[in-house]
C-alpha atoms as a PDB file:
ATOM      1  CA  UNK A   1       0.372   5.527 -30.014  1.00  0.00           C
ATOM      2  CA  UNK A   2      -0.192   2.159 -28.358  1.00  0.00           C
ATOM      3  CA  UNK A   3      -0.450  -0.961 -30.460  1.00  0.00           C
ATOM      4  CA  UNK A   4      -3.325  -3.415 -30.151  1.00  0.00           C
ATOM      5  CA  UNK A   5      -0.956  -5.855 -28.421  1.00  0.00           C
ATOM      6  CA  UNK A   6       0.000  -3.213 -25.845  1.00  0.00           C
ATOM      7  CA  UNK A   7      -3.669  -2.408 -25.243  1.00  0.00           C
ATOM      8  CA  UNK A   8      -4.468  -6.094 -24.837  1.00  0.00           C
ATOM      9  CA  UNK A   9      -1.541  -6.450 -22.429  1.00  0.00           C
ATOM     10  CA  UNK A  10      -3.023  -3.698 -20.251  1.00  0.00           C
ATOM     11  CA  UNK A  11      -6.367  -5.515 -20.158  1.00  0.00           C
ATOM     12  CA  UNK A  12      -4.666  -8.804 -19.254  1.00  0.00           C
ATOM     13  CA  UNK A  13      -2.525  -7.138 -16.584  1.00  0.00           C
ATOM     14  CA  UNK A  14      -5.673  -5.773 -14.958  1.00  0.00           C
ATOM     15  CA  UNK A  15      -7.320  -9.232 -15.165  1.00  0.00           C
ATOM     16  CA  UNK A  16      -4.200 -10.735 -13.544  1.00  0.00           C
ATOM     17  CA  UNK A  17      -4.251  -8.218 -10.667  1.00  0.00           C
ATOM     18  CA  UNK A  18      -1.142  -6.385 -11.797  1.00  0.00           C
ATOM     19  CA  UNK A  19       1.003  -9.337 -12.927  1.00  0.00           C
ATOM     20  CA  UNK A  20       2.740  -7.672 -15.878  1.00  0.00           C
ATOM     21  CA  UNK A  21       4.681 -10.693 -17.184  1.00  0.00           C
ATOM     22  CA  UNK A  22       1.628 -12.944 -17.160  1.00  0.00           C
ATOM     23  CA  UNK A  23      -0.464 -10.248 -18.827  1.00  0.00           C
ATOM     24  CA  UNK A  24       2.149  -9.772 -21.527  1.00  0.00           C
ATOM     25  CA  UNK A  25       2.257 -13.511 -22.316  1.00  0.00           C
ATOM     26  CA  UNK A  26      -1.546 -13.688 -22.481  1.00  0.00           C
ATOM     27  CA  UNK A  27      -1.522 -10.697 -24.830  1.00  0.00           C
ATOM     28  CA  UNK A  28       0.817 -12.487 -27.237  1.00  0.00           C
ATOM     29  CA  UNK A  29       4.298 -11.383 -26.166  1.00  0.00           C
ATOM     30  CA  UNK A  30       6.953 -14.086 -26.121  1.00  0.00           C
ATOM     31  CA  UNK A  31       7.948 -15.537 -22.726  1.00  0.00           C
ATOM     32  CA  UNK A  32      11.453 -14.122 -23.323  1.00  0.00           C
ATOM     33  CA  UNK A  33      10.082 -10.590 -23.787  1.00  0.00           C
ATOM     34  CA  UNK A  34       7.756 -11.009 -20.805  1.00  0.00           C
ATOM     35  CA  UNK A  35      10.752 -11.868 -18.602  1.00  0.00           C
ATOM     36  CA  UNK A  36      11.734  -8.208 -18.904  1.00  0.00           C
ATOM     37  CA  UNK A  37       8.428  -6.341 -18.484  1.00  0.00           C
ATOM     38  CA  UNK A  38      10.276  -2.997 -18.489  1.00  0.00           C
ATOM     39  CA  UNK A  39      10.315  -3.321 -22.277  1.00  0.00           C
ATOM     40  CA  UNK A  40       6.607  -2.548 -22.045  1.00  0.00           C
ATOM     41  CA  UNK A  41       6.288  -0.535 -18.842  1.00  0.00           C
ATOM     42  CA  UNK A  42       9.036   1.966 -19.707  1.00  0.00           C
ATOM     43  CA  UNK A  43       7.660   2.709 -23.176  1.00  0.00           C
ATOM     44  CA  UNK A  44       5.920   5.924 -24.213  1.00  0.00           C
ATOM     45  CA  UNK A  45       2.898   3.851 -25.265  1.00  0.00           C
ATOM     46  CA  UNK A  46       2.646   2.429 -21.730  1.00  0.00           C
ATOM     47  CA  UNK A  47       2.694   5.928 -20.244  1.00  0.00           C
ATOM     48  CA  UNK A  48       0.008   7.030 -22.686  1.00  0.00           C
ATOM     49  CA  UNK A  49      -2.154   4.034 -21.784  1.00  0.00           C
ATOM     50  CA  UNK A  50      -1.602   4.591 -18.063  1.00  0.00           C
ATOM     51  CA  UNK A  51      -2.720   8.185 -18.444  1.00  0.00           C
ATOM     52  CA  UNK A  52      -5.841   6.910 -20.203  1.00  0.00           C
ATOM     53  CA  UNK A  53      -6.676   3.996 -17.897  1.00  0.00           C
ATOM     54  CA  UNK A  54      -5.213   5.339 -14.657  1.00  0.00           C
ATOM     55  CA  UNK A  55      -5.469   9.097 -14.595  1.00  0.00           C
ATOM     56  CA  UNK A  56      -3.623  11.222 -12.078  1.00  0.00           C
ATOM     57  CA  UNK A  57      -7.011  12.168 -10.645  1.00  0.00           C
ATOM     58  CA  UNK A  58      -7.900   8.496 -10.054  1.00  0.00           C
ATOM     59  CA  UNK A  59      -4.538   7.831  -8.421  1.00  0.00           C
ATOM     60  CA  UNK A  60      -4.986  10.870  -6.192  1.00  0.00           C
ATOM     61  CA  UNK A  61      -8.511   9.766  -5.242  1.00  0.00           C
ATOM     62  CA  UNK A  62      -7.361   6.218  -4.426  1.00  0.00           C
ATOM     63  CA  UNK A  63      -4.340   7.600  -2.620  1.00  0.00           C
ATOM     64  CA  UNK A  64      -6.666   9.626  -0.404  1.00  0.00           C
ATOM     65  CA  UNK A  65      -8.936   6.603   0.219  1.00  0.00           C
ATOM     66  CA  UNK A  66      -5.962   4.417   1.082  1.00  0.00           C
ATOM     67  CA  UNK A  67      -4.653   6.958   3.553  1.00  0.00           C
ATOM     68  CA  UNK A  68      -7.765   6.085   5.561  1.00  0.00           C
ATOM     69  CA  UNK A  69      -7.852   2.315   4.884  1.00  0.00           C
ATOM     70  CA  UNK A  70      -8.591   0.291   8.001  1.00  0.00           C
ATOM     71  CA  UNK A  71      -8.886  -3.293   9.099  1.00  0.00           C
ATOM     72  CA  UNK A  72     -10.320  -5.028  12.111  1.00  0.00           C
ATOM     73  CA  UNK A  73      -7.889  -5.891  14.893  1.00  0.00           C
ATOM     74  CA  UNK A  74      -8.331  -8.030  17.987  1.00  0.00           C
ATOM     75  CA  UNK A  75      -6.481  -7.998  21.301  1.00  0.00           C
ATOM     76  CA  UNK A  76      -6.911  -9.713  24.646  1.00  0.00           C
ATOM     77  CA  UNK A  77      -6.298  -7.895  27.936  1.00  0.00           C
ATOM     78  CA  UNK A  78      -6.206  -9.093  31.537  1.00  0.00           C
ATOM     79  CA  UNK A  79      -9.201  -8.181  33.670  1.00  0.00           C
ATOM     80  CA  UNK A  80      -7.264  -5.661  35.760  1.00  0.00           C
ATOM     81  CA  UNK A  81      -7.075  -3.351  32.727  1.00  0.00           C
ATOM     82  CA  UNK A  82     -10.223  -1.233  32.515  1.00  0.00           C
ATOM     83  CA  UNK A  83     -12.215  -0.550  29.383  1.00  0.00           C
ATOM     84  CA  UNK A  84     -11.281   3.117  29.669  1.00  0.00           C
ATOM     85  CA  UNK A  85      -7.561   2.255  29.829  1.00  0.00           C
ATOM     86  CA  UNK A  86      -7.922   0.025  26.777  1.00  0.00           C
ATOM     87  CA  UNK A  87      -9.755   2.736  24.837  1.00  0.00           C
ATOM     88  CA  UNK A  88      -7.077   5.282  25.745  1.00  0.00           C
ATOM     89  CA  UNK A  89      -4.229   2.911  24.854  1.00  0.00           C
ATOM     90  CA  UNK A  90      -5.690   2.021  21.472  1.00  0.00           C
ATOM     91  CA  UNK A  91      -6.570   5.661  20.748  1.00  0.00           C
ATOM     92  CA  UNK A  92      -2.880   6.520  21.189  1.00  0.00           C
ATOM     93  CA  UNK A  93      -2.188   4.057  18.365  1.00  0.00           C
ATOM     94  CA  UNK A  94      -4.931   5.671  16.234  1.00  0.00           C
ATOM     95  CA  UNK A  95      -7.267   2.712  16.728  1.00  0.00           C
ATOM     96  CA  UNK A  96     -10.995   2.944  17.335  1.00  0.00           C
ATOM     97  CA  UNK A  97     -12.510   0.420  19.755  1.00  0.00           C
ATOM     98  CA  UNK A  98     -15.648  -1.181  18.376  1.00  0.00           C
ATOM     99  CA  UNK A  99     -16.510  -4.006  20.771  1.00  0.00           C
ATOM    100  CA  UNK A 100     -15.625  -5.488  24.150  1.00  0.00           C
ATOM    101  CA  UNK A 101     -16.330  -9.021  25.294  1.00  0.00           C
ATOM    102  CA  UNK A 102     -15.642  -9.751  28.961  1.00  0.00           C
ATOM    103  CA  UNK A 103     -15.066 -13.301  30.151  1.00  0.00           C
ATOM    104  CA  UNK A 104     -14.143 -14.612  33.597  1.00  0.00           C
ATOM    105  CA  UNK A 105     -10.422 -14.380  32.865  1.00  0.00           C
ATOM    106  CA  UNK A 106      -9.860 -11.737  30.194  1.00  0.00           C
ATOM    107  CA  UNK A 107     -11.278  -8.966  28.041  1.00  0.00           C
ATOM    108  CA  UNK A 108     -11.433  -9.345  24.269  1.00  0.00           C
ATOM    109  CA  UNK A 109     -11.367  -6.111  22.283  1.00  0.00           C
ATOM    110  CA  UNK A 110     -12.093  -5.586  18.599  1.00  0.00           C
ATOM    111  CA  UNK A 111     -11.027  -2.338  16.983  1.00  0.00           C
ATOM    112  CA  UNK A 112     -10.459  -0.591  13.692  1.00  0.00           C
ATOM    113  CA  UNK A 113      -6.810   0.027  12.906  1.00  0.00           C
ATOM    114  CA  UNK A 114      -4.918   1.450   9.954  1.00  0.00           C
ATOM    115  CA  UNK A 115      -4.192  -1.182   7.299  1.00  0.00           C
ATOM    116  CA  UNK A 116      -0.677  -0.003   6.541  1.00  0.00           C
ATOM    117  CA  UNK A 117       0.278  -2.996   4.404  1.00  0.00           C
ATOM    118  CA  UNK A 118      -2.680  -2.471   2.083  1.00  0.00           C
ATOM    119  CA  UNK A 119      -1.964   1.262   1.949  1.00  0.00           C
ATOM    120  CA  UNK A 120       1.678   0.783   1.050  1.00  0.00           C
ATOM    121  CA  UNK A 121       1.114  -1.982  -1.491  1.00  0.00           C
ATOM    122  CA  UNK A 122      -1.626  -0.177  -3.387  1.00  0.00           C
ATOM    123  CA  UNK A 123       0.219   3.121  -3.494  1.00  0.00           C
ATOM    124  CA  UNK A 124       3.482   1.455  -4.445  1.00  0.00           C
ATOM    125  CA  UNK A 125       1.817  -0.311  -7.360  1.00  0.00           C
ATOM    126  CA  UNK A 126       0.035   2.834  -8.562  1.00  0.00           C
ATOM    127  CA  UNK A 127       3.200   4.918  -8.497  1.00  0.00           C
ATOM    128  CA  UNK A 128       5.200   2.178 -10.236  1.00  0.00           C
ATOM    129  CA  UNK A 129       2.553   1.776 -12.935  1.00  0.00           C
ATOM    130  CA  UNK A 130       2.643   5.501 -13.538  1.00  0.00           C
ATOM    131  CA  UNK A 131       6.487   5.443 -13.560  1.00  0.00           C
ATOM    132  CA  UNK A 132       6.595   8.032 -10.783  1.00  0.00           C
ATOM    133  CA  UNK A 133       9.596   6.352  -9.098  1.00  0.00           C
ATOM    134  CA  UNK A 134      11.757   6.625 -12.200  1.00  0.00           C
ATOM    135  CA  UNK A 135      14.929   8.547 -11.537  1.00  0.00           C
ATOM    136  CA  UNK A 136      13.936   9.559  -8.050  1.00  0.00           C
ATOM    137  CA  UNK A 137      14.452   8.286  -4.575  1.00  0.00           C
ATOM    138  CA  UNK A 138      12.394   8.669  -1.468  1.00  0.00           C
ATOM    139  CA  UNK A 139      14.177   9.183   1.819  1.00  0.00           C
ATOM    140  CA  UNK A 140      14.099  10.943   5.116  1.00  0.00           C
ATOM    141  CA  UNK A 141      17.019  12.949   6.403  1.00  0.00           C
ATOM    142  CA  UNK A 142      17.806  12.464  10.079  1.00  0.00           C
ATOM    143  CA  UNK A 143      20.157  14.649  12.048  1.00  0.00           C
ATOM    144  CA  UNK A 144      21.347  13.664  15.503  1.00  0.00           C
ATOM    145  CA  UNK A 145      23.293  16.057  17.659  1.00  0.00           C
ATOM    146  CA  UNK A 146      25.530  13.649  19.579  1.00  0.00           C
ATOM    147  CA  UNK A 147      26.810  16.313  21.933  1.00  0.00           C
ATOM    148  CA  UNK A 148      23.300  17.102  23.210  1.00  0.00           C
ATOM    149  CA  UNK A 149      21.981  13.546  23.031  1.00  0.00           C
ATOM    150  CA  UNK A 150      24.979  11.534  24.223  1.00  0.00           C
ATOM    151  CA  UNK A 151      23.334  10.739  27.557  1.00  0.00           C
ATOM    152  CA  UNK A 152      20.317   9.275  25.738  1.00  0.00           C
ATOM    153  CA  UNK A 153      22.288   7.249  23.183  1.00  0.00           C
ATOM    154  CA  UNK A 154      25.394   6.340  25.142  1.00  0.00           C
END
């Protein structure tokens, strides 16, 4: 079962936007202990608190939301590129055009695009907080057949 200090550390970590060391110090841990936050984050009490404050269902819900996170992008195109060509080009990159502004020399385009940095950072933090990376690695296996592809790759 989590101690009051561990519970307070969780509250302070949330207030500090995920800064574990700072949260630990504000909760009463010594600076020396806070230099190694794994003393807290790898404990059974931490896992119990994470399951209370950050349920698997909440992580899954946020994970799903973040898979669709977007931001506003802006690009400038020369006038010889048509609006239709711009829409098609950005659609190929999974972007949705929202606005055009034509000037005498160029076309400004605003669009919604995936916010991959926000997606990765939020998911990374959630999985780390839940200790889901512990003892595992994430990778992608790639196989290249050099005999068939030697003309492509030299």
